[in-house]
Amino acid sequence: MNKNKFIDSIPSILIVLSVFVLWEILVHIQDIPTWLLPAPSEIFKSLYLDFPKLFEHTLVTLQEILIGFLVALIFGFLIASGIGLSTTLEKSLYPFLISLQTIPIIVIAPMLLVWIGYGLLPKIIVVALISFFPIVVNTADGMKSLDIDMKRLLLTMGANNWQIFRKIMIPSSLPYLFSGVRIAVSISVIGAVIGEWVGSSEGLGYLMIRSKPQFHTELVFAAIFILSAIGIGLFLLVGFLERLVIPWSRYENSTE
């Protein structure tokens, strides 16, 4: 991070710190019990004291997120490619995809337990289902926004459909793909937690469900903090990969 970026981030850091300080002060002034609303100091204390337990459950949740997101990325890109290449597939798949997206994931998750059983697989499927829609839609839009003049040029040079797909459609869709991936990787955390809430014996979602009836609210907030950190970290990782894979897109945006 260079000096200018650090200076630009100072207001955001100050706002976050102010929120935590105000939260801490209000909890102590109002004498709010920890089981109702823990102060940030209590949450950070729980992060330190319960670190082994939190770390163990974090690894499970992170595994569900990464595998489920990878499945969503692969199938999302394949479906988007089919939509971009075929108008027939677009007309037949889009209604199905939209219908699937309108079904609350909390309704699908219990059925997966009935059909598949407990274990890692139902959580992976839930993460994939909640993540793949923005990847499909954004990537398909990118493939359909290709440069028509460039396509005509390649056709006059004797290029076939595969060459057009590889040389024009994929490069033109990459900025859109990464835009969808940023959304998908953020909401994939929600999918993992929902899957663990419905039925699980490990993971941060399970830890939250187990801790809440025991009034270990500080542990619930500690799990929330870790989930937020995972989402932010994955979002930043996608942005870093985007700068590596398609640096020209950032340059075009900055010049505009």
Protein backbone atom coordinates (compact mmCIF):
# COMPACT_ATOMS: atom_id res chain seq x y z
CA MET A 1 0.00 0.00 0.00
CA ASN A 2 1.52 3.32 -1.03
CA LYS A 3 1.34 6.53 0.96
CA ASN A 4 -1.61 8.00 -0.96
CA LYS A 5 -3.74 4.88 -0.51
CA PHE A 6 -2.95 4.83 3.21
CA ILE A 7 -3.99 8.47 3.55
CA ASP A 8 -7.21 7.80 1.65
CA SER A 9 -8.03 4.91 4.01
CA ILE A 10 -7.56 6.98 7.18
CA PRO A 11 -11.19 8.31 7.25
CA SER A 12 -12.57 4.76 6.96
CA ILE A 13 -10.31 3.54 9.76
CA LEU A 14 -11.32 6.43 11.99
CA ILE A 15 -15.02 5.78 11.39
CA VAL A 16 -14.64 2.09 12.31
CA LEU A 17 -12.66 2.94 15.45
CA SER A 18 -15.23 5.57 16.42
CA VAL A 19 -18.04 3.03 16.14
CA PHE A 20 -16.22 0.59 18.42
CA VAL A 21 -15.37 3.29 20.96
CA LEU A 22 -18.96 4.58 21.01
CA TRP A 23 -20.24 1.01 21.34
CA GLU A 24 -17.91 0.36 24.29
CA ILE A 25 -18.92 3.58 26.04
CA LEU A 26 -22.66 3.07 25.60
CA VAL A 27 -22.53 -0.50 26.91
CA HIS A 28 -20.75 0.65 30.09
CA ILE A 29 -22.87 3.78 30.59
CA GLN A 30 -26.14 1.89 30.16
CA ASP A 31 -24.78 -1.04 32.17
CA ILE A 32 -25.96 -3.50 29.53
CA PRO A 33 -25.28 -7.11 30.57
CA THR A 34 -22.85 -9.10 28.45
CA TRP A 35 -25.41 -11.76 27.60
CA LEU A 36 -27.62 -9.08 26.02
CA LEU A 37 -25.01 -6.99 24.19
CA PRO A 38 -21.30 -7.55 24.85
CA ALA A 39 -18.87 -4.67 24.64
CA PRO A 40 -16.18 -4.84 21.94
CA SER A 41 -13.60 -5.50 24.67
CA GLU A 42 -15.53 -8.61 25.72
CA ILE A 43 -15.75 -9.77 22.11
CA PHE A 44 -12.00 -9.34 21.57
CA LYS A 45 -11.42 -11.12 24.86
CA SER A 46 -13.51 -14.04 23.61
CA LEU A 47 -11.54 -14.04 20.35
CA TYR A 48 -8.37 -14.45 22.40
CA LEU A 49 -9.54 -16.92 25.05
CA ASP A 50 -11.65 -19.10 22.70
CA PHE A 51 -9.23 -18.92 19.80
CA PRO A 52 -8.59 -22.71 19.55
CA LYS A 53 -12.32 -23.45 19.39
CA LEU A 54 -13.00 -20.60 16.97
CA PHE A 55 -10.08 -21.57 14.76
CA GLU A 56 -11.28 -25.17 14.53
CA HIS A 57 -14.77 -24.15 13.47
CA THR A 58 -13.42 -21.45 11.15
CA LEU A 59 -11.48 -24.04 9.15
CA VAL A 60 -14.67 -26.02 8.56
CA THR A 61 -16.66 -22.98 7.44
CA LEU A 62 -13.81 -21.75 5.24
CA GLN A 63 -13.60 -25.15 3.57
CA GLU A 64 -17.32 -25.06 2.78
CA ILE A 65 -17.02 -21.53 1.39
CA LEU A 66 -14.02 -22.19 -0.83
CA ILE A 67 -15.24 -25.50 -2.28
CA GLY A 68 -18.79 -24.26 -2.78
CA PHE A 69 -17.58 -21.05 -4.40
CA LEU A 70 -15.24 -22.97 -6.71
CA VAL A 71 -18.15 -25.20 -7.80
CA ALA A 72 -20.29 -22.10 -8.41
CA LEU A 73 -17.49 -20.49 -10.42
CA ILE A 74 -16.97 -23.52 -12.67
CA PHE A 75 -20.65 -24.22 -13.34
CA GLY A 76 -21.48 -20.51 -13.52
CA PHE A 77 -18.87 -19.90 -16.19
CA LEU A 78 -19.96 -22.97 -18.19
CA ILE A 79 -23.63 -21.96 -18.08
CA ALA A 80 -22.76 -18.36 -18.96
CA SER A 81 -20.71 -19.60 -21.91
CA GLY A 82 -23.66 -21.61 -23.16
CA ILE A 83 -25.94 -18.59 -22.82
CA GLY A 84 -23.42 -16.38 -24.60
CA LEU A 85 -23.03 -18.82 -27.49
CA SER A 86 -26.66 -19.84 -27.96
CA THR A 87 -29.78 -17.68 -27.94
CA THR A 88 -31.85 -20.84 -27.57
CA LEU A 89 -30.03 -21.77 -24.38
CA GLU A 90 -30.44 -18.23 -23.11
CA LYS A 91 -34.21 -18.29 -23.59
CA SER A 92 -34.55 -21.74 -22.04
CA LEU A 93 -32.14 -21.38 -19.10
CA TYR A 94 -32.79 -17.84 -17.90
CA PRO A 95 -36.36 -18.49 -16.62
CA PHE A 96 -35.12 -21.56 -14.78
CA LEU A 97 -32.18 -19.68 -13.25
CA ILE A 98 -34.37 -16.78 -12.13
CA SER A 99 -36.96 -19.17 -10.66
CA LEU A 100 -34.26 -21.01 -8.75
CA GLN A 101 -32.90 -17.73 -7.40
CA THR A 102 -36.30 -16.62 -6.11
CA ILE A 103 -36.61 -19.72 -3.89
CA PRO A 104 -35.34 -18.85 -0.38
CA ILE A 105 -32.17 -20.80 0.30
CA ILE A 106 -33.41 -21.50 3.83
CA VAL A 107 -36.14 -23.63 2.22
CA ILE A 108 -33.76 -25.60 0.01
CA ALA A 109 -31.20 -26.33 2.73
CA PRO A 110 -33.42 -28.64 4.86
CA MET A 111 -34.44 -30.62 1.76
CA LEU A 112 -30.78 -31.20 0.92
CA LEU A 113 -30.34 -32.79 4.33
CA VAL A 114 -33.25 -35.12 3.58
CA TRP A 115 -31.97 -36.01 0.12
CA ILE A 116 -28.22 -36.16 0.81
CA GLY A 117 -27.84 -36.39 4.57
CA TYR A 118 -25.53 -34.58 6.96
CA GLY A 119 -21.93 -33.81 6.18
CA LEU A 120 -19.95 -31.41 4.06
CA LEU A 121 -21.76 -31.92 0.74
CA PRO A 122 -25.10 -30.19 1.60
CA LYS A 123 -23.24 -27.08 2.80
CA ILE A 124 -21.17 -26.99 -0.37
CA ILE A 125 -24.32 -27.21 -2.49
CA VAL A 126 -25.97 -24.39 -0.50
CA VAL A 127 -22.91 -22.17 -0.98
CA ALA A 128 -22.81 -22.99 -4.70
CA LEU A 129 -26.53 -22.29 -5.16
CA ILE A 130 -26.36 -18.91 -3.46
CA SER A 131 -23.16 -17.89 -5.27
CA PHE A 132 -23.50 -18.95 -8.89
CA PHE A 133 -26.32 -16.63 -10.02
CA PRO A 134 -24.33 -13.34 -10.07
CA ILE A 135 -21.48 -15.17 -11.81
CA VAL A 136 -23.79 -16.48 -14.53
CA VAL A 137 -25.62 -13.21 -15.15
CA ASN A 138 -22.56 -10.95 -15.16
CA THR A 139 -20.43 -13.27 -17.28
CA ALA A 140 -23.20 -13.84 -19.82
CA ASP A 141 -23.71 -10.07 -20.11
CA GLY A 142 -19.98 -9.66 -20.68
CA MET A 143 -19.93 -12.26 -23.44
CA LYS A 144 -22.79 -10.54 -25.21
CA SER A 145 -21.04 -7.16 -25.02
CA LEU A 146 -18.22 -8.22 -27.33
CA ASP A 147 -16.93 -5.88 -30.03
CA ILE A 148 -19.01 -6.66 -33.14
CA ASP A 149 -16.45 -5.11 -35.47
CA MET A 150 -13.74 -7.32 -34.02
CA LYS A 151 -15.97 -10.37 -34.46
CA ARG A 152 -16.61 -9.47 -38.10
CA LEU A 153 -12.88 -9.01 -38.64
CA LEU A 154 -12.13 -12.48 -37.30
CA LEU A 155 -14.92 -13.98 -39.41
CA THR A 156 -13.46 -12.43 -42.55
CA MET A 157 -10.10 -13.93 -41.59
CA GLY A 158 -11.69 -17.39 -41.43
CA ALA A 159 -12.01 -17.77 -37.66
CA ASN A 160 -14.40 -20.44 -36.39
CA ASN A 161 -16.79 -20.15 -33.43
CA TRP A 162 -14.30 -21.63 -30.96
CA GLN A 163 -11.64 -19.10 -31.95
CA ILE A 164 -14.12 -16.23 -31.63
CA PHE A 165 -15.16 -17.53 -28.22
CA ARG A 166 -11.57 -17.88 -27.03
CA LYS A 167 -10.12 -14.67 -28.50
CA ILE A 168 -13.04 -12.21 -28.08
CA MET A 169 -15.85 -13.48 -25.90
CA ILE A 170 -13.76 -14.66 -22.96
CA PRO A 171 -11.52 -11.55 -22.76
CA SER A 172 -14.51 -9.22 -23.08
CA SER A 173 -16.35 -11.08 -20.30
CA LEU A 174 -13.50 -11.08 -17.76
CA PRO A 175 -14.29 -7.66 -16.18
CA TYR A 176 -17.94 -8.72 -15.86
CA LEU A 177 -16.87 -12.11 -14.49
CA PHE A 178 -14.79 -10.54 -11.74
CA SER A 179 -17.64 -8.17 -10.92
CA GLY A 180 -19.93 -11.15 -10.41
CA VAL A 181 -17.25 -13.02 -8.49
CA ARG A 182 -16.88 -10.15 -6.02
CA ILE A 183 -20.59 -10.33 -5.27
CA ALA A 184 -20.64 -14.13 -5.17
CA VAL A 185 -17.65 -14.50 -2.86
CA SER A 186 -19.25 -12.10 -0.37
CA ILE A 187 -22.62 -13.86 -0.20
CA SER A 188 -20.99 -17.30 -0.17
CA VAL A 189 -20.31 -16.70 3.53
CA ILE A 190 -24.07 -16.39 4.07
CA GLY A 191 -24.66 -19.69 2.29
CA ALA A 192 -22.18 -21.54 4.50
CA VAL A 193 -23.74 -20.17 7.69
CA ILE A 194 -27.28 -21.03 6.56
CA GLY A 195 -26.19 -24.58 5.73
CA GLU A 196 -24.66 -24.94 9.19
CA TRP A 197 -27.72 -23.47 10.89
CA VAL A 198 -30.01 -26.02 9.27
CA GLY A 199 -27.97 -29.05 10.20
CA SER A 200 -24.36 -29.35 11.28
CA SER A 201 -22.12 -30.41 14.14
CA GLU A 202 -19.24 -28.05 13.33
CA GLY A 203 -18.54 -24.69 11.74
CA LEU A 204 -19.05 -21.09 12.85
CA GLY A 205 -22.77 -21.22 12.10
CA TYR A 206 -23.13 -24.26 14.35
CA LEU A 207 -21.06 -22.54 17.05
CA MET A 208 -23.37 -19.51 16.92
CA ILE A 209 -26.51 -21.67 17.21
CA ARG A 210 -25.02 -23.62 20.12
CA SER A 211 -23.73 -20.53 21.97
CA LYS A 212 -26.90 -18.45 21.75
CA PRO A 213 -29.13 -20.58 24.07
CA GLN A 214 -26.24 -20.72 26.57
CA PHE A 215 -26.10 -16.87 26.59
CA HIS A 216 -22.51 -16.84 25.34
CA THR A 217 -23.34 -13.77 23.29
CA GLU A 218 -19.72 -12.61 23.16
CA LEU A 219 -18.85 -15.90 21.42
CA VAL A 220 -21.64 -15.33 18.90
CA PHE A 221 -20.29 -11.86 18.12
CA ALA A 222 -16.76 -13.26 17.89
CA ALA A 223 -17.97 -15.73 15.24
CA ILE A 224 -19.69 -12.87 13.41
CA PHE A 225 -16.44 -10.88 13.44
CA ILE A 226 -14.57 -13.83 11.94
CA LEU A 227 -17.22 -14.33 9.24
CA SER A 228 -16.98 -10.63 8.37
CA ALA A 229 -13.20 -10.90 8.19
CA ILE A 230 -13.49 -13.91 5.88
CA GLY A 231 -15.88 -12.05 3.57
CA ILE A 232 -13.69 -8.93 3.47
CA GLY A 233 -10.54 -10.98 2.95
CA LEU A 234 -12.01 -12.96 0.06
CA PHE A 235 -13.36 -9.77 -1.51
CA LEU A 236 -9.92 -8.16 -1.36
CA LEU A 237 -8.32 -11.33 -2.74
CA VAL A 238 -10.64 -11.25 -5.76
CA GLY A 239 -9.72 -7.60 -6.34
CA PHE A 240 -6.03 -8.49 -6.19
CA LEU A 241 -6.48 -11.34 -8.68
CA GLU A 242 -8.45 -9.03 -10.96
CA ARG A 243 -5.55 -6.58 -11.07
CA LEU A 244 -3.22 -9.44 -11.98
CA VAL A 245 -5.41 -11.05 -14.64
CA ILE A 246 -6.93 -8.00 -16.34
CA PRO A 247 -4.81 -4.95 -15.42
CA TRP A 248 -6.05 -3.11 -18.52
CA SER A 249 -9.57 -2.95 -17.08
CA ARG A 250 -8.38 -0.97 -14.06
CA TYR A 251 -6.40 1.33 -16.31
CA GLU A 252 -9.45 2.01 -18.51
CA ASN A 253 -11.62 2.75 -15.48
CA SER A 254 -9.03 5.14 -14.04
CA THR A 255 -8.67 7.03 -17.32
CA GLU A 256 -12.44 7.38 -17.61
